[in-house]
Amino acid sequence: PFHVGDYTSHTAHLDPIEDLAYRRALDAYY
């Protein structure tokens, strides 16, 4: 499950590469 609101509220401060790293890290973890 991906909760867009939760994700956005916790990651709005990330730059684009950090955001990409986090999304890929989540995918790899799962």
PDB file of all heavy atoms in Angstrom:
ATOM      1  N   PRO A   1       0.838  -1.191   0.000  1.00  0.00           N
ATOM      2  CA  PRO A   1       0.000   0.000   0.000  1.00  0.00           C
ATOM      3  C   PRO A   1       0.879   1.250   0.000  1.00  0.00           C
ATOM      4  O   PRO A   1       1.885   1.311   0.691  1.00  0.00           O
ATOM      5  CB  PRO A   1      -0.807  -0.114   1.297  1.00  0.00           C
ATOM      6  CG  PRO A   1      -0.107  -1.105   2.128  1.00  0.00           C
ATOM      7  CD  PRO A   1       0.723  -1.963   1.226  1.00  0.00           C
ATOM      8  N   PHE A   2       0.510   2.200  -0.820  1.00  0.00           N
ATOM      9  CA  PHE A   2       1.250   3.452  -0.906  1.00  0.00           C
ATOM     10  C   PHE A   2       0.290   4.587  -0.608  1.00  0.00           C
ATOM     11  O   PHE A   2      -0.661   4.817  -1.357  1.00  0.00           O
ATOM     12  CB  PHE A   2       1.863   3.611  -2.299  1.00  0.00           C
ATOM     13  CG  PHE A   2       2.704   4.846  -2.423  1.00  0.00           C
ATOM     14  CD1 PHE A   2       3.975   4.889  -1.871  1.00  0.00           C
ATOM     15  CD2 PHE A   2       2.222   5.964  -3.084  1.00  0.00           C
ATOM     16  CE1 PHE A   2       4.754   6.033  -1.977  1.00  0.00           C
ATOM     17  CE2 PHE A   2       2.996   7.110  -3.191  1.00  0.00           C
ATOM     18  CZ  PHE A   2       4.261   7.139  -2.642  1.00  0.00           C
ATOM     19  N   HIS A   3       0.519   5.265   0.480  1.00  0.00           N
ATOM     20  CA  HIS A   3      -0.350   6.351   0.916  1.00  0.00           C
ATOM     21  C   HIS A   3       0.282   7.671   0.499  1.00  0.00           C
ATOM     22  O   HIS A   3       1.215   8.156   1.139  1.00  0.00           O
ATOM     23  CB  HIS A   3      -0.567   6.286   2.428  1.00  0.00           C
ATOM     24  CG  HIS A   3      -1.114   4.971   2.873  1.00  0.00           C
ATOM     25  ND1 HIS A   3      -2.456   4.665   2.769  1.00  0.00           N
ATOM     26  CD2 HIS A   3      -0.511   3.866   3.377  1.00  0.00           C
ATOM     27  CE1 HIS A   3      -2.644   3.425   3.209  1.00  0.00           C
ATOM     28  NE2 HIS A   3      -1.487   2.924   3.579  1.00  0.00           N
ATOM     29  N   VAL A   4      -0.229   8.234  -0.585  1.00  0.00           N
ATOM     30  CA  VAL A   4       0.362   9.420  -1.195  1.00  0.00           C
ATOM     31  C   VAL A   4       0.447  10.575  -0.192  1.00  0.00           C
ATOM     32  O   VAL A   4       1.466  11.261  -0.109  1.00  0.00           O
ATOM     33  CB  VAL A   4      -0.414   9.842  -2.462  1.00  0.00           C
ATOM     34  CG1 VAL A   4       0.144  11.115  -3.048  1.00  0.00           C
ATOM     35  CG2 VAL A   4      -0.387   8.722  -3.479  1.00  0.00           C
ATOM     36  N   GLY A   5      -0.605  10.783   0.564  1.00  0.00           N
ATOM     37  CA  GLY A   5      -0.607  11.884   1.535  1.00  0.00           C
ATOM     38  C   GLY A   5       0.465  11.717   2.591  1.00  0.00           C
ATOM     39  O   GLY A   5       1.191  12.672   2.917  1.00  0.00           O
ATOM     40  N   ASP A   6       0.582  10.516   3.140  1.00  0.00           N
ATOM     41  CA  ASP A   6       1.625  10.251   4.134  1.00  0.00           C
ATOM     42  C   ASP A   6       3.006  10.450   3.532  1.00  0.00           C
ATOM     43  O   ASP A   6       3.875  11.090   4.128  1.00  0.00           O
ATOM     44  CB  ASP A   6       1.527   8.817   4.667  1.00  0.00           C
ATOM     45  CG  ASP A   6       0.324   8.589   5.554  1.00  0.00           C
ATOM     46  OD1 ASP A   6      -0.322   9.576   5.967  1.00  0.00           O
ATOM     47  OD2 ASP A   6       0.035   7.411   5.831  1.00  0.00           O
ATOM     48  N   TYR A   7       3.195   9.886   2.342  1.00  0.00           N
ATOM     49  CA  TYR A   7       4.507   9.984   1.701  1.00  0.00           C
ATOM     50  C   TYR A   7       4.874  11.449   1.464  1.00  0.00           C
ATOM     51  O   TYR A   7       5.960  11.899   1.821  1.00  0.00           O
ATOM     52  CB  TYR A   7       4.512   9.214   0.374  1.00  0.00           C
ATOM     53  CG  TYR A   7       5.858   9.247  -0.301  1.00  0.00           C
ATOM     54  CD1 TYR A   7       6.839   8.319   0.025  1.00  0.00           C
ATOM     55  CD2 TYR A   7       6.166  10.221  -1.240  1.00  0.00           C
ATOM     56  CE1 TYR A   7       8.085   8.354  -0.575  1.00  0.00           C
ATOM     57  CE2 TYR A   7       7.407  10.261  -1.845  1.00  0.00           C
ATOM     58  CZ  TYR A   7       8.365   9.330  -1.505  1.00  0.00           C
ATOM     59  OH  TYR A   7       9.594   9.374  -2.090  1.00  0.00           O
ATOM     60  N   THR A   8       3.960  12.203   0.886  1.00  0.00           N
ATOM     61  CA  THR A   8       4.236  13.597   0.559  1.00  0.00           C
ATOM     62  C   THR A   8       4.508  14.424   1.807  1.00  0.00           C
ATOM     63  O   THR A   8       5.433  15.238   1.822  1.00  0.00           O
ATOM     64  CB  THR A   8       3.067  14.198  -0.243  1.00  0.00           C
ATOM     65  OG1 THR A   8       2.895  13.428  -1.434  1.00  0.00           O
ATOM     66  CG2 THR A   8       3.336  15.644  -0.627  1.00  0.00           C
ATOM     67  N   SER A   9       3.732  14.199   2.852  1.00  0.00           N
ATOM     68  CA  SER A   9       3.937  14.994   4.063  1.00  0.00           C
ATOM     69  C   SER A   9       5.271  14.690   4.744  1.00  0.00           C
ATOM     70  O   SER A   9       5.825  15.552   5.413  1.00  0.00           O
ATOM     71  CB  SER A   9       2.777  14.781   5.046  1.00  0.00           C
ATOM     72  OG  SER A   9       2.794  13.472   5.577  1.00  0.00           O
ATOM     73  N   HIS A  10       5.795  13.491   4.549  1.00  0.00           N
ATOM     74  CA  HIS A  10       7.069  13.124   5.172  1.00  0.00           C
ATOM     75  C   HIS A  10       8.279  13.376   4.282  1.00  0.00           C
ATOM     76  O   HIS A  10       9.417  13.303   4.752  1.00  0.00           O
ATOM     77  CB  HIS A  10       7.045  11.649   5.574  1.00  0.00           C
ATOM     78  CG  HIS A  10       6.122  11.374   6.706  1.00  0.00           C
ATOM     79  ND1 HIS A  10       4.886  10.806   6.522  1.00  0.00           N
ATOM     80  CD2 HIS A  10       6.236  11.601   8.031  1.00  0.00           C
ATOM     81  CE1 HIS A  10       4.277  10.694   7.690  1.00  0.00           C
ATOM     82  NE2 HIS A  10       5.072  11.175   8.624  1.00  0.00           N
ATOM     83  N   THR A  11       8.052  13.660   3.001  1.00  0.00           N
ATOM     84  CA  THR A  11       9.181  13.771   2.074  1.00  0.00           C
ATOM     85  C   THR A  11       9.229  15.090   1.304  1.00  0.00           C
ATOM     86  O   THR A  11      10.082  15.242   0.428  1.00  0.00           O
ATOM     87  CB  THR A  11       9.154  12.616   1.054  1.00  0.00           C
ATOM     88  OG1 THR A  11       7.944  12.711   0.287  1.00  0.00           O
ATOM     89  CG2 THR A  11       9.243  11.264   1.735  1.00  0.00           C
ATOM     90  N   ALA A  12       8.378  16.027   1.625  1.00  0.00           N
ATOM     91  CA  ALA A  12       8.320  17.283   0.867  1.00  0.00           C
ATOM     92  C   ALA A  12       9.649  18.039   0.885  1.00  0.00           C
ATOM     93  O   ALA A  12       9.932  18.819  -0.024  1.00  0.00           O
ATOM     94  CB  ALA A  12       7.199  18.171   1.400  1.00  0.00           C
ATOM     95  N   HIS A  13      10.469  17.800   1.873  1.00  0.00           N
ATOM     96  CA  HIS A  13      11.749  18.504   2.008  1.00  0.00           C
ATOM     97  C   HIS A  13      12.873  17.875   1.177  1.00  0.00           C
ATOM     98  O   HIS A  13      13.950  18.451   1.055  1.00  0.00           O
ATOM     99  CB  HIS A  13      12.175  18.522   3.470  1.00  0.00           C
ATOM    100  CG  HIS A  13      12.439  17.158   4.024  1.00  0.00           C
ATOM    101  ND1 HIS A  13      11.411  16.276   4.314  1.00  0.00           N
ATOM    102  CD2 HIS A  13      13.600  16.515   4.308  1.00  0.00           C
ATOM    103  CE1 HIS A  13      11.938  15.140   4.776  1.00  0.00           C
ATOM    104  NE2 HIS A  13      13.265  15.263   4.776  1.00  0.00           N
ATOM    105  N   LEU A  14      12.642  16.697   0.608  1.00  0.00           N
ATOM    106  CA  LEU A  14      13.689  16.006  -0.146  1.00  0.00           C
ATOM    107  C   LEU A  14      13.897  16.633  -1.516  1.00  0.00           C
ATOM    108  O   LEU A  14      12.941  17.073  -2.153  1.00  0.00           O
ATOM    109  CB  LEU A  14      13.324  14.530  -0.323  1.00  0.00           C
ATOM    110  CG  LEU A  14      13.160  13.692   0.941  1.00  0.00           C
ATOM    111  CD1 LEU A  14      12.771  12.271   0.575  1.00  0.00           C
ATOM    112  CD2 LEU A  14      14.414  13.719   1.791  1.00  0.00           C
ATOM    113  N   ASP A  15      15.155  16.625  -1.969  1.00  0.00           N
ATOM    114  CA  ASP A  15      15.390  17.060  -3.346  1.00  0.00           C
ATOM    115  C   ASP A  15      15.050  15.875  -4.262  1.00  0.00           C
ATOM    116  O   ASP A  15      14.818  14.761  -3.786  1.00  0.00           O
ATOM    117  CB  ASP A  15      16.800  17.607  -3.546  1.00  0.00           C
ATOM    118  CG  ASP A  15      17.902  16.567  -3.508  1.00  0.00           C
ATOM    119  OD1 ASP A  15      17.624  15.358  -3.696  1.00  0.00           O
ATOM    120  OD2 ASP A  15      19.068  16.951  -3.312  1.00  0.00           O
ATOM    121  N   PRO A  16      14.979  16.080  -5.557  1.00  0.00           N
ATOM    122  CA  PRO A  16      14.532  15.005  -6.457  1.00  0.00           C
ATOM    123  C   PRO A  16      15.358  13.714  -6.362  1.00  0.00           C
ATOM    124  O   PRO A  16      14.777  12.620  -6.403  1.00  0.00           O
ATOM    125  CB  PRO A  16      14.631  15.636  -7.849  1.00  0.00           C
ATOM    126  CG  PRO A  16      14.416  17.090  -7.605  1.00  0.00           C
ATOM    127  CD  PRO A  16      15.100  17.366  -6.292  1.00  0.00           C
ATOM    128  N   ILE A  17      16.662  13.803  -6.230  1.00  0.00           N
ATOM    129  CA  ILE A  17      17.477  12.584  -6.144  1.00  0.00           C
ATOM    130  C   ILE A  17      17.220  11.861  -4.830  1.00  0.00           C
ATOM    131  O   ILE A  17      17.145  10.625  -4.786  1.00  0.00           O
ATOM    132  CB  ILE A  17      18.979  12.907  -6.322  1.00  0.00           C
ATOM    133  CG1 ILE A  17      19.251  13.417  -7.727  1.00  0.00           C
ATOM    134  CG2 ILE A  17      19.845  11.690  -6.005  1.00  0.00           C
ATOM    135  CD1 ILE A  17      18.967  12.406  -8.840  1.00  0.00           C
ATOM    136  N   GLU A  18      17.063  12.596  -3.743  1.00  0.00           N
ATOM    137  CA  GLU A  18      16.744  11.964  -2.457  1.00  0.00           C
ATOM    138  C   GLU A  18      15.379  11.284  -2.518  1.00  0.00           C
ATOM    139  O   GLU A  18      15.203  10.185  -1.996  1.00  0.00           O
ATOM    140  CB  GLU A  18      16.770  12.991  -1.334  1.00  0.00           C
ATOM    141  CG  GLU A  18      18.149  13.509  -1.016  1.00  0.00           C
ATOM    142  CD  GLU A  18      18.125  14.696  -0.081  1.00  0.00           C
ATOM    143  OE1 GLU A  18      17.139  15.473  -0.104  1.00  0.00           O
ATOM    144  OE2 GLU A  18      19.101  14.856   0.662  1.00  0.00           O
ATOM    145  N   ASP A  19      14.420  11.940  -3.167  1.00  0.00           N
ATOM    146  CA  ASP A  19      13.095  11.350  -3.325  1.00  0.00           C
ATOM    147  C   ASP A  19      13.186  10.057  -4.130  1.00  0.00           C
ATOM    148  O   ASP A  19      12.604   9.034  -3.748  1.00  0.00           O
ATOM    149  CB  ASP A  19      12.161  12.347  -4.009  1.00  0.00           C
ATOM    150  CG  ASP A  19      10.753  11.821  -4.135  1.00  0.00           C
ATOM    151  OD1 ASP A  19      10.135  11.490  -3.104  1.00  0.00           O
ATOM    152  OD2 ASP A  19      10.262  11.732  -5.278  1.00  0.00           O
ATOM    153  N   LEU A  20      13.938  10.075  -5.214  1.00  0.00           N
ATOM    154  CA  LEU A  20      14.132   8.881  -6.024  1.00  0.00           C
ATOM    155  C   LEU A  20      14.804   7.779  -5.207  1.00  0.00           C
ATOM    156  O   LEU A  20      14.390   6.614  -5.258  1.00  0.00           O
ATOM    157  CB  LEU A  20      14.978   9.216  -7.254  1.00  0.00           C
ATOM    158  CG  LEU A  20      15.333   8.049  -8.176  1.00  0.00           C
ATOM    159  CD1 LEU A  20      14.077   7.431  -8.776  1.00  0.00           C
ATOM    160  CD2 LEU A  20      16.278   8.528  -9.264  1.00  0.00           C
ATOM    161  N   ALA A  21      15.811   8.140  -4.436  1.00  0.00           N
ATOM    162  CA  ALA A  21      16.513   7.157  -3.606  1.00  0.00           C
ATOM    163  C   ALA A  21      15.550   6.524  -2.602  1.00  0.00           C
ATOM    164  O   ALA A  21      15.573   5.307  -2.396  1.00  0.00           O
ATOM    165  CB  ALA A  21      17.691   7.810  -2.887  1.00  0.00           C
ATOM    166  N   TYR A  22      14.707   7.334  -2.000  1.00  0.00           N
ATOM    167  CA  TYR A  22      13.773   6.804  -0.997  1.00  0.00           C
ATOM    168  C   TYR A  22      12.755   5.868  -1.644  1.00  0.00           C
ATOM    169  O   TYR A  22      12.492   4.776  -1.139  1.00  0.00           O
ATOM    170  CB  TYR A  22      13.079   7.952  -0.269  1.00  0.00           C
ATOM    171  CG  TYR A  22      12.212   7.501   0.876  1.00  0.00           C
ATOM    172  CD1 TYR A  22      12.599   6.476   1.739  1.00  0.00           C
ATOM    173  CD2 TYR A  22      10.989   8.104   1.116  1.00  0.00           C
ATOM    174  CE1 TYR A  22      11.797   6.069   2.797  1.00  0.00           C
ATOM    175  CE2 TYR A  22      10.183   7.717   2.169  1.00  0.00           C
ATOM    176  CZ  TYR A  22      10.587   6.698   2.995  1.00  0.00           C
ATOM    177  OH  TYR A  22       9.783   6.295   4.037  1.00  0.00           O
ATOM    178  N   ARG A  23      12.183   6.275  -2.785  1.00  0.00           N
ATOM    179  CA  ARG A  23      11.206   5.409  -3.458  1.00  0.00           C
ATOM    180  C   ARG A  23      11.840   4.095  -3.885  1.00  0.00           C
ATOM    181  O   ARG A  23      11.266   3.022  -3.717  1.00  0.00           O
ATOM    182  CB  ARG A  23      10.596   6.104  -4.687  1.00  0.00           C
ATOM    183  CG  ARG A  23       9.600   7.199  -4.363  1.00  0.00           C
ATOM    184  CD  ARG A  23       8.395   6.685  -3.567  1.00  0.00           C
ATOM    185  NE  ARG A  23       7.733   5.560  -4.171  1.00  0.00           N
ATOM    186  CZ  ARG A  23       6.738   5.608  -5.043  1.00  0.00           C
ATOM    187  NH1 ARG A  23       6.259   6.765  -5.419  1.00  0.00           N
ATOM    188  NH2 ARG A  23       6.203   4.514  -5.526  1.00  0.00           N
ATOM    189  N   ARG A  24      13.044   4.160  -4.432  1.00  0.00           N
ATOM    190  CA  ARG A  24      13.720   2.933  -4.840  1.00  0.00           C
ATOM    191  C   ARG A  24      14.097   2.090  -3.627  1.00  0.00           C
ATOM    192  O   ARG A  24      14.048   0.858  -3.691  1.00  0.00           O
ATOM    193  CB  ARG A  24      14.950   3.246  -5.677  1.00  0.00           C
ATOM    194  CG  ARG A  24      14.604   3.716  -7.068  1.00  0.00           C
ATOM    195  CD  ARG A  24      15.832   3.896  -7.913  1.00  0.00           C
ATOM    196  NE  ARG A  24      15.490   4.344  -9.248  1.00  0.00           N
ATOM    197  CZ  ARG A  24      16.376   4.619 -10.182  1.00  0.00           C
ATOM    198  NH1 ARG A  24      17.674   4.480  -9.935  1.00  0.00           N
ATOM    199  NH2 ARG A  24      15.981   5.028 -11.375  1.00  0.00           N
ATOM    200  N   ALA A  25      14.449   2.735  -2.531  1.00  0.00           N
ATOM    201  CA  ALA A  25      14.778   1.993  -1.308  1.00  0.00           C
ATOM    202  C   ALA A  25      13.545   1.257  -0.793  1.00  0.00           C
ATOM    203  O   ALA A  25      13.636   0.093  -0.381  1.00  0.00           O
ATOM    204  CB  ALA A  25      15.340   2.933  -0.243  1.00  0.00           C
ATOM    205  N   LEU A  26      12.401   1.917  -0.822  1.00  0.00           N
ATOM    206  CA  LEU A  26      11.162   1.253  -0.401  1.00  0.00           C
ATOM    207  C   LEU A  26      10.871   0.050  -1.296  1.00  0.00           C
ATOM    208  O   LEU A  26      10.556  -1.041  -0.814  1.00  0.00           O
ATOM    209  CB  LEU A  26       9.983   2.232  -0.437  1.00  0.00           C
ATOM    210  CG  LEU A  26       9.979   3.346   0.593  1.00  0.00           C
ATOM    211  CD1 LEU A  26       8.818   4.299   0.331  1.00  0.00           C
ATOM    212  CD2 LEU A  26       9.926   2.797   2.011  1.00  0.00           C
ATOM    213  N   ASP A  27      10.979   0.256  -2.604  1.00  0.00           N
ATOM    214  CA  ASP A  27      10.725  -0.845  -3.537  1.00  0.00           C
ATOM    215  C   ASP A  27      11.675  -2.009  -3.278  1.00  0.00           C
ATOM    216  O   ASP A  27      11.252  -3.168  -3.240  1.00  0.00           O
ATOM    217  CB  ASP A  27      10.862  -0.376  -4.985  1.00  0.00           C
ATOM    218  CG  ASP A  27       9.741   0.546  -5.429  1.00  0.00           C
ATOM    219  OD1 ASP A  27       8.720   0.658  -4.712  1.00  0.00           O
ATOM    220  OD2 ASP A  27       9.891   1.161  -6.505  1.00  0.00           O
ATOM    221  N   ALA A  28      12.952  -1.718  -3.093  1.00  0.00           N
ATOM    222  CA  ALA A  28      13.942  -2.771  -2.848  1.00  0.00           C
ATOM    223  C   ALA A  28      13.639  -3.494  -1.541  1.00  0.00           C
ATOM    224  O   ALA A  28      13.746  -4.720  -1.458  1.00  0.00           O
ATOM    225  CB  ALA A  28      15.348  -2.183  -2.814  1.00  0.00           C
ATOM    226  N   TYR A  29      13.255  -2.752  -0.525  1.00  0.00           N
ATOM    227  CA  TYR A  29      12.938  -3.341   0.775  1.00  0.00           C
ATOM    228  C   TYR A  29      11.778  -4.331   0.639  1.00  0.00           C
ATOM    229  O   TYR A  29      11.841  -5.450   1.136  1.00  0.00           O
ATOM    230  CB  TYR A  29      12.567  -2.232   1.756  1.00  0.00           C
ATOM    231  CG  TYR A  29      12.710  -2.606   3.209  1.00  0.00           C
ATOM    232  CD1 TYR A  29      13.805  -2.181   3.938  1.00  0.00           C
ATOM    233  CD2 TYR A  29      11.740  -3.356   3.868  1.00  0.00           C
ATOM    234  CE1 TYR A  29      13.939  -2.498   5.284  1.00  0.00           C
ATOM    235  CE2 TYR A  29      11.869  -3.686   5.192  1.00  0.00           C
ATOM    236  CZ  TYR A  29      12.966  -3.253   5.907  1.00  0.00           C
ATOM    237  OH  TYR A  29      13.096  -3.570   7.244  1.00  0.00           O
ATOM    238  N   TYR A  30      10.732  -3.889  -0.042  1.00  0.00           N
ATOM    239  CA  TYR A  30       9.575  -4.771  -0.207  1.00  0.00           C
ATOM    240  C   TYR A  30       9.890  -5.974  -1.088  1.00  0.00           C
ATOM    241  O   TYR A  30       9.416  -7.081  -0.821  1.00  0.00           O
ATOM    242  CB  TYR A  30       8.378  -3.997  -0.754  1.00  0.00           C
ATOM    243  CG  TYR A  30       7.715  -3.131   0.293  1.00  0.00           C
ATOM    244  CD1 TYR A  30       7.665  -1.750   0.147  1.00  0.00           C
ATOM    245  CD2 TYR A  30       7.140  -3.687   1.429  1.00  0.00           C
ATOM    246  CE1 TYR A  30       7.056  -0.953   1.107  1.00  0.00           C
ATOM    247  CE2 TYR A  30       6.532  -2.900   2.397  1.00  0.00           C
ATOM    248  CZ  TYR A  30       6.497  -1.531   2.227  1.00  0.00           C
ATOM    249  OH  TYR A  30       5.891  -0.753   3.181  1.00  0.00           O
TER     250      TYR A  30
END
